[in-house]
């Protein structure tokens, strides 16, 4: 028998809150839940880190980036246009010379809130590439140097840029990439 003084609804809400927070904090992507006015209800750690990255030159590191605001406004406008269909609005922000953050916004309806919310997903493209290269390196049996070259190639570096970045010759880059492609063909 449950002797807790909490009502079933209060206990369920606490469980829901813990579950949402635990799940959102467990992701590598950034997740924010916003009101229609743009107030942040929840932002997980990766989202806060990406906001800081986007606002490096700003006085307020957790302020909403203009592009995120624009995407959220488009998502809000889409609700009227597409009524009961889920629409995802996407954009990207360059954060440095090679870094990109992909933004996705869509409507989110939660029973605990009367007004609809906006779910914003922030994906660090550089981190995603690193995870992909790590998995591919293991799958294809790449050497540490091949993995390093493959990571740069996956990040859209040219052969010349790879050579300059790693202080190796262009022919060495070509040789390593030829070996990488041969290893990949074994799995095709």
C-alpha atoms as a PDB file:
ATOM      1  CA  UNK A   1       0.000   0.000   0.000  1.00  0.00           C
ATOM      2  CA  UNK A   2       1.300   3.441  -0.932  1.00  0.00           C
ATOM      3  CA  UNK A   3       1.469   5.707   2.105  1.00  0.00           C
ATOM      4  CA  UNK A   4       2.808   8.698   0.193  1.00  0.00           C
ATOM      5  CA  UNK A   5       1.029  11.989   0.846  1.00  0.00           C
ATOM      6  CA  UNK A   6       1.454  13.024  -2.784  1.00  0.00           C
ATOM      7  CA  UNK A   7      -1.609  12.713  -4.949  1.00  0.00           C
ATOM      8  CA  UNK A   8      -1.340  10.355  -7.938  1.00  0.00           C
ATOM      9  CA  UNK A   9      -1.348  13.355 -10.308  1.00  0.00           C
ATOM     10  CA  UNK A  10       1.477  15.094  -8.427  1.00  0.00           C
ATOM     11  CA  UNK A  11       3.554  11.890  -8.354  1.00  0.00           C
ATOM     12  CA  UNK A  12       2.976  11.324 -12.048  1.00  0.00           C
ATOM     13  CA  UNK A  13       4.002  14.917 -12.831  1.00  0.00           C
ATOM     14  CA  UNK A  14       7.208  14.535 -10.805  1.00  0.00           C
ATOM     15  CA  UNK A  15       7.961  11.290 -12.626  1.00  0.00           C
ATOM     16  CA  UNK A  16       7.214  12.915 -15.992  1.00  0.00           C
ATOM     17  CA  UNK A  17       9.478  15.871 -15.131  1.00  0.00           C
ATOM     18  CA  UNK A  18      12.326  13.567 -14.089  1.00  0.00           C
ATOM     19  CA  UNK A  19      11.876  11.415 -17.159  1.00  0.00           C
ATOM     20  CA  UNK A  20      11.853  14.362 -19.572  1.00  0.00           C
ATOM     21  CA  UNK A  21      14.864  15.954 -17.908  1.00  0.00           C
ATOM     22  CA  UNK A  22      16.764  12.661 -17.754  1.00  0.00           C
ATOM     23  CA  UNK A  23      16.041  11.780 -21.366  1.00  0.00           C
ATOM     24  CA  UNK A  24      16.875  15.248 -22.706  1.00  0.00           C
ATOM     25  CA  UNK A  25      20.100  15.432 -20.698  1.00  0.00           C
ATOM     26  CA  UNK A  26      21.165  12.050 -22.063  1.00  0.00           C
ATOM     27  CA  UNK A  27      21.262  13.197 -25.689  1.00  0.00           C
ATOM     28  CA  UNK A  28      24.345  14.626 -27.387  1.00  0.00           C
ATOM     29  CA  UNK A  29      22.190  16.997 -29.430  1.00  0.00           C
ATOM     30  CA  UNK A  30      20.894  20.153 -27.838  1.00  0.00           C
ATOM     31  CA  UNK A  31      17.201  20.269 -26.981  1.00  0.00           C
ATOM     32  CA  UNK A  32      15.220  23.305 -25.882  1.00  0.00           C
ATOM     33  CA  UNK A  33      11.547  23.603 -25.119  1.00  0.00           C
ATOM     34  CA  UNK A  34      10.240  27.135 -25.660  1.00  0.00           C
ATOM     35  CA  UNK A  35       6.958  28.941 -25.232  1.00  0.00           C
ATOM     36  CA  UNK A  36       5.395  30.777 -28.178  1.00  0.00           C
ATOM     37  CA  UNK A  37       6.904  33.976 -26.748  1.00  0.00           C
ATOM     38  CA  UNK A  38      10.387  32.436 -26.872  1.00  0.00           C
ATOM     39  CA  UNK A  39      10.820  31.832 -23.144  1.00  0.00           C
ATOM     40  CA  UNK A  40      12.990  28.784 -22.417  1.00  0.00           C
ATOM     41  CA  UNK A  41      11.184  26.180 -20.318  1.00  0.00           C
ATOM     42  CA  UNK A  42      14.037  23.686 -20.509  1.00  0.00           C
ATOM     43  CA  UNK A  43      17.429  23.528 -22.225  1.00  0.00           C
ATOM     44  CA  UNK A  44      19.705  20.532 -21.811  1.00  0.00           C
ATOM     45  CA  UNK A  45      23.461  20.888 -21.263  1.00  0.00           C
ATOM     46  CA  UNK A  46      24.427  20.466 -24.946  1.00  0.00           C
ATOM     47  CA  UNK A  47      21.907  23.187 -25.903  1.00  0.00           C
ATOM     48  CA  UNK A  48      23.364  25.596 -23.338  1.00  0.00           C
ATOM     49  CA  UNK A  49      26.898  24.842 -24.596  1.00  0.00           C
ATOM     50  CA  UNK A  50      25.867  25.468 -28.208  1.00  0.00           C
ATOM     51  CA  UNK A  51      24.145  28.733 -27.253  1.00  0.00           C
ATOM     52  CA  UNK A  52      27.420  29.836 -25.664  1.00  0.00           C
ATOM     53  CA  UNK A  53      29.293  28.795 -28.813  1.00  0.00           C
ATOM     54  CA  UNK A  54      26.904  30.793 -31.027  1.00  0.00           C
ATOM     55  CA  UNK A  55      27.074  33.860 -28.770  1.00  0.00           C
ATOM     56  CA  UNK A  56      30.836  34.005 -28.107  1.00  0.00           C
ATOM     57  CA  UNK A  57      31.031  37.700 -28.949  1.00  0.00           C
ATOM     58  CA  UNK A  58      27.885  38.598 -27.038  1.00  0.00           C
ATOM     59  CA  UNK A  59      27.499  39.874 -23.481  1.00  0.00           C
ATOM     60  CA  UNK A  60      24.766  37.284 -22.772  1.00  0.00           C
ATOM     61  CA  UNK A  61      26.016  33.777 -23.647  1.00  0.00           C
ATOM     62  CA  UNK A  62      22.600  32.103 -23.170  1.00  0.00           C
ATOM     63  CA  UNK A  63      20.618  34.608 -25.206  1.00  0.00           C
ATOM     64  CA  UNK A  64      18.613  33.156 -28.070  1.00  0.00           C
ATOM     65  CA  UNK A  65      20.504  33.490 -31.362  1.00  0.00           C
ATOM     66  CA  UNK A  66      18.656  35.472 -34.072  1.00  0.00           C
ATOM     67  CA  UNK A  67      18.568  32.482 -36.420  1.00  0.00           C
ATOM     68  CA  UNK A  68      16.952  30.318 -33.732  1.00  0.00           C
ATOM     69  CA  UNK A  69      14.362  33.060 -33.190  1.00  0.00           C
ATOM     70  CA  UNK A  70      13.696  33.190 -36.950  1.00  0.00           C
ATOM     71  CA  UNK A  71      13.251  29.409 -37.175  1.00  0.00           C
ATOM     72  CA  UNK A  72      10.918  29.421 -34.147  1.00  0.00           C
ATOM     73  CA  UNK A  73       8.782  32.189 -35.689  1.00  0.00           C
ATOM     74  CA  UNK A  74       8.543  30.155 -38.901  1.00  0.00           C
ATOM     75  CA  UNK A  75       7.489  27.087 -36.886  1.00  0.00           C
ATOM     76  CA  UNK A  76       4.833  29.149 -35.108  1.00  0.00           C
ATOM     77  CA  UNK A  77       3.542  30.464 -38.443  1.00  0.00           C
ATOM     78  CA  UNK A  78       3.461  26.915 -39.835  1.00  0.00           C
ATOM     79  CA  UNK A  79       0.914  25.887 -37.215  1.00  0.00           C
ATOM     80  CA  UNK A  80      -1.707  28.118 -38.804  1.00  0.00           C
ATOM     81  CA  UNK A  81      -0.823  27.001 -42.330  1.00  0.00           C
ATOM     82  CA  UNK A  82      -0.627  23.245 -41.735  1.00  0.00           C
ATOM     83  CA  UNK A  83      -3.050  22.856 -38.798  1.00  0.00           C
ATOM     84  CA  UNK A  84      -2.735  19.217 -37.657  1.00  0.00           C
ATOM     85  CA  UNK A  85       0.385  18.221 -39.608  1.00  0.00           C
ATOM     86  CA  UNK A  86       3.847  18.150 -38.048  1.00  0.00           C
ATOM     87  CA  UNK A  87       6.171  20.515 -39.865  1.00  0.00           C
ATOM     88  CA  UNK A  88       9.880  20.786 -39.085  1.00  0.00           C
ATOM     89  CA  UNK A  89      11.625  24.059 -39.948  1.00  0.00           C
ATOM     90  CA  UNK A  90      15.394  23.764 -40.446  1.00  0.00           C
ATOM     91  CA  UNK A  91      18.359  26.086 -40.771  1.00  0.00           C
ATOM     92  CA  UNK A  92      22.097  26.144 -40.076  1.00  0.00           C
ATOM     93  CA  UNK A  93      24.476  28.515 -38.296  1.00  0.00           C
ATOM     94  CA  UNK A  94      28.217  28.685 -38.971  1.00  0.00           C
ATOM     95  CA  UNK A  95      29.988  28.933 -35.609  1.00  0.00           C
ATOM     96  CA  UNK A  96      33.569  29.069 -36.820  1.00  0.00           C
ATOM     97  CA  UNK A  97      35.502  28.264 -39.990  1.00  0.00           C
ATOM     98  CA  UNK A  98      34.540  24.577 -40.019  1.00  0.00           C
ATOM     99  CA  UNK A  99      31.723  24.302 -37.480  1.00  0.00           C
ATOM    100  CA  UNK A 100      28.020  24.231 -38.286  1.00  0.00           C
ATOM    101  CA  UNK A 101      25.028  23.863 -36.021  1.00  0.00           C
ATOM    102  CA  UNK A 102      21.812  22.572 -37.560  1.00  0.00           C
ATOM    103  CA  UNK A 103      18.615  23.991 -36.059  1.00  0.00           C
ATOM    104  CA  UNK A 104      15.257  22.223 -36.216  1.00  0.00           C
ATOM    105  CA  UNK A 105      12.045  23.592 -34.738  1.00  0.00           C
ATOM    106  CA  UNK A 106       8.607  22.031 -34.496  1.00  0.00           C
ATOM    107  CA  UNK A 107       5.455  22.247 -32.422  1.00  0.00           C
ATOM    108  CA  UNK A 108       5.220  20.247 -29.233  1.00  0.00           C
ATOM    109  CA  UNK A 109       1.997  19.671 -27.349  1.00  0.00           C
ATOM    110  CA  UNK A 110       2.265  18.662 -23.690  1.00  0.00           C
ATOM    111  CA  UNK A 111      -0.776  18.099 -21.493  1.00  0.00           C
ATOM    112  CA  UNK A 112       0.719  20.105 -18.628  1.00  0.00           C
ATOM    113  CA  UNK A 113       0.747  23.308 -20.742  1.00  0.00           C
ATOM    114  CA  UNK A 114      -2.299  25.061 -22.111  1.00  0.00           C
ATOM    115  CA  UNK A 115      -0.380  26.750 -24.892  1.00  0.00           C
ATOM    116  CA  UNK A 116       1.568  24.872 -27.553  1.00  0.00           C
ATOM    117  CA  UNK A 117       5.342  24.783 -27.169  1.00  0.00           C
ATOM    118  CA  UNK A 118       8.206  24.780 -29.648  1.00  0.00           C
ATOM    119  CA  UNK A 119      10.787  21.990 -29.556  1.00  0.00           C
ATOM    120  CA  UNK A 120      14.165  23.181 -30.846  1.00  0.00           C
ATOM    121  CA  UNK A 121      16.883  20.679 -31.691  1.00  0.00           C
ATOM    122  CA  UNK A 122      20.483  21.851 -32.103  1.00  0.00           C
ATOM    123  CA  UNK A 123      22.888  19.434 -33.788  1.00  0.00           C
ATOM    124  CA  UNK A 124      26.616  20.147 -33.792  1.00  0.00           C
ATOM    125  CA  UNK A 125      27.607  18.929 -37.254  1.00  0.00           C
ATOM    126  CA  UNK A 126      31.278  18.645 -36.298  1.00  0.00           C
ATOM    127  CA  UNK A 127      30.429  16.355 -33.377  1.00  0.00           C
ATOM    128  CA  UNK A 128      28.152  14.262 -35.592  1.00  0.00           C
ATOM    129  CA  UNK A 129      30.948  13.851 -38.137  1.00  0.00           C
ATOM    130  CA  UNK A 130      33.370  12.812 -35.383  1.00  0.00           C
ATOM    131  CA  UNK A 131      30.950  10.142 -34.155  1.00  0.00           C
ATOM    132  CA  UNK A 132      30.384   8.897 -37.709  1.00  0.00           C
ATOM    133  CA  UNK A 133      34.124   8.747 -38.417  1.00  0.00           C
ATOM    134  CA  UNK A 134      34.763   6.894 -35.153  1.00  0.00           C
ATOM    135  CA  UNK A 135      32.192   4.246 -36.093  1.00  0.00           C
ATOM    136  CA  UNK A 136      33.473   3.990 -39.664  1.00  0.00           C
ATOM    137  CA  UNK A 137      37.095   3.781 -38.493  1.00  0.00           C
ATOM    138  CA  UNK A 138      36.270   0.778 -36.362  1.00  0.00           C
ATOM    139  CA  UNK A 139      34.091  -0.832 -39.028  1.00  0.00           C
ATOM    140  CA  UNK A 140      36.659  -0.451 -41.822  1.00  0.00           C
ATOM    141  CA  UNK A 141      39.717  -1.112 -39.633  1.00  0.00           C
ATOM    142  CA  UNK A 142      41.343   2.266 -40.327  1.00  0.00           C
ATOM    143  CA  UNK A 143      44.709   3.114 -38.822  1.00  0.00           C
ATOM    144  CA  UNK A 144      44.842   6.161 -36.511  1.00  0.00           C
ATOM    145  CA  UNK A 145      46.363   8.259 -39.339  1.00  0.00           C
ATOM    146  CA  UNK A 146      43.734   7.078 -41.840  1.00  0.00           C
ATOM    147  CA  UNK A 147      41.006   7.929 -39.316  1.00  0.00           C
ATOM    148  CA  UNK A 148      42.463  11.410 -38.894  1.00  0.00           C
ATOM    149  CA  UNK A 149      42.512  11.953 -42.669  1.00  0.00           C
ATOM    150  CA  UNK A 150      39.036  10.460 -43.076  1.00  0.00           C
ATOM    151  CA  UNK A 151      37.649  12.808 -40.405  1.00  0.00           C
ATOM    152  CA  UNK A 152      38.935  15.841 -42.295  1.00  0.00           C
ATOM    153  CA  UNK A 153      37.656  14.491 -45.611  1.00  0.00           C
ATOM    154  CA  UNK A 154      34.222  13.883 -44.045  1.00  0.00           C
ATOM    155  CA  UNK A 155      34.305  17.513 -42.871  1.00  0.00           C
ATOM    156  CA  UNK A 156      34.637  18.524 -46.558  1.00  0.00           C
ATOM    157  CA  UNK A 157      38.302  19.430 -46.440  1.00  0.00           C
ATOM    158  CA  UNK A 158      39.985  19.338 -49.843  1.00  0.00           C
ATOM    159  CA  UNK A 159      43.043  17.158 -50.377  1.00  0.00           C
ATOM    160  CA  UNK A 160      45.218  20.295 -50.204  1.00  0.00           C
ATOM    161  CA  UNK A 161      43.586  21.428 -46.964  1.00  0.00           C
ATOM    162  CA  UNK A 162      44.129  17.985 -45.408  1.00  0.00           C
ATOM    163  CA  UNK A 163      47.793  18.053 -46.412  1.00  0.00           C
ATOM    164  CA  UNK A 164      48.249  21.540 -44.931  1.00  0.00           C
ATOM    165  CA  UNK A 165      46.358  20.697 -41.729  1.00  0.00           C
ATOM    166  CA  UNK A 166      48.367  17.513 -41.070  1.00  0.00           C
ATOM    167  CA  UNK A 167      51.716  18.758 -42.425  1.00  0.00           C
ATOM    168  CA  UNK A 168      51.965  15.968 -44.993  1.00  0.00           C
ATOM    169  CA  UNK A 169      52.342  15.950 -48.770  1.00  0.00           C
ATOM    170  CA  UNK A 170      49.439  15.891 -51.181  1.00  0.00           C
ATOM    171  CA  UNK A 171      50.623  12.484 -52.459  1.00  0.00           C
ATOM    172  CA  UNK A 172      50.508  11.085 -48.909  1.00  0.00           C
ATOM    173  CA  UNK A 173      46.903  12.275 -48.573  1.00  0.00           C
ATOM    174  CA  UNK A 174      46.017  10.632 -51.888  1.00  0.00           C
ATOM    175  CA  UNK A 175      47.701   7.367 -50.854  1.00  0.00           C
ATOM    176  CA  UNK A 176      45.849   7.238 -47.512  1.00  0.00           C
ATOM    177  CA  UNK A 177      42.486   8.044 -49.124  1.00  0.00           C
ATOM    178  CA  UNK A 178      43.070   5.345 -51.757  1.00  0.00           C
ATOM    179  CA  UNK A 179      43.687   2.847 -48.921  1.00  0.00           C
ATOM    180  CA  UNK A 180      40.580   4.075 -47.064  1.00  0.00           C
ATOM    181  CA  UNK A 181      38.381   3.669 -50.152  1.00  0.00           C
ATOM    182  CA  UNK A 182      39.789   0.168 -50.731  1.00  0.00           C
ATOM    183  CA  UNK A 183      38.889  -0.791 -47.138  1.00  0.00           C
ATOM    184  CA  UNK A 184      35.407   0.689 -47.569  1.00  0.00           C
ATOM    185  CA  UNK A 185      34.872  -1.322 -50.777  1.00  0.00           C
ATOM    186  CA  UNK A 186      35.319  -4.527 -48.794  1.00  0.00           C
ATOM    187  CA  UNK A 187      32.087  -3.644 -46.933  1.00  0.00           C
ATOM    188  CA  UNK A 188      30.042  -2.487 -49.935  1.00  0.00           C
END
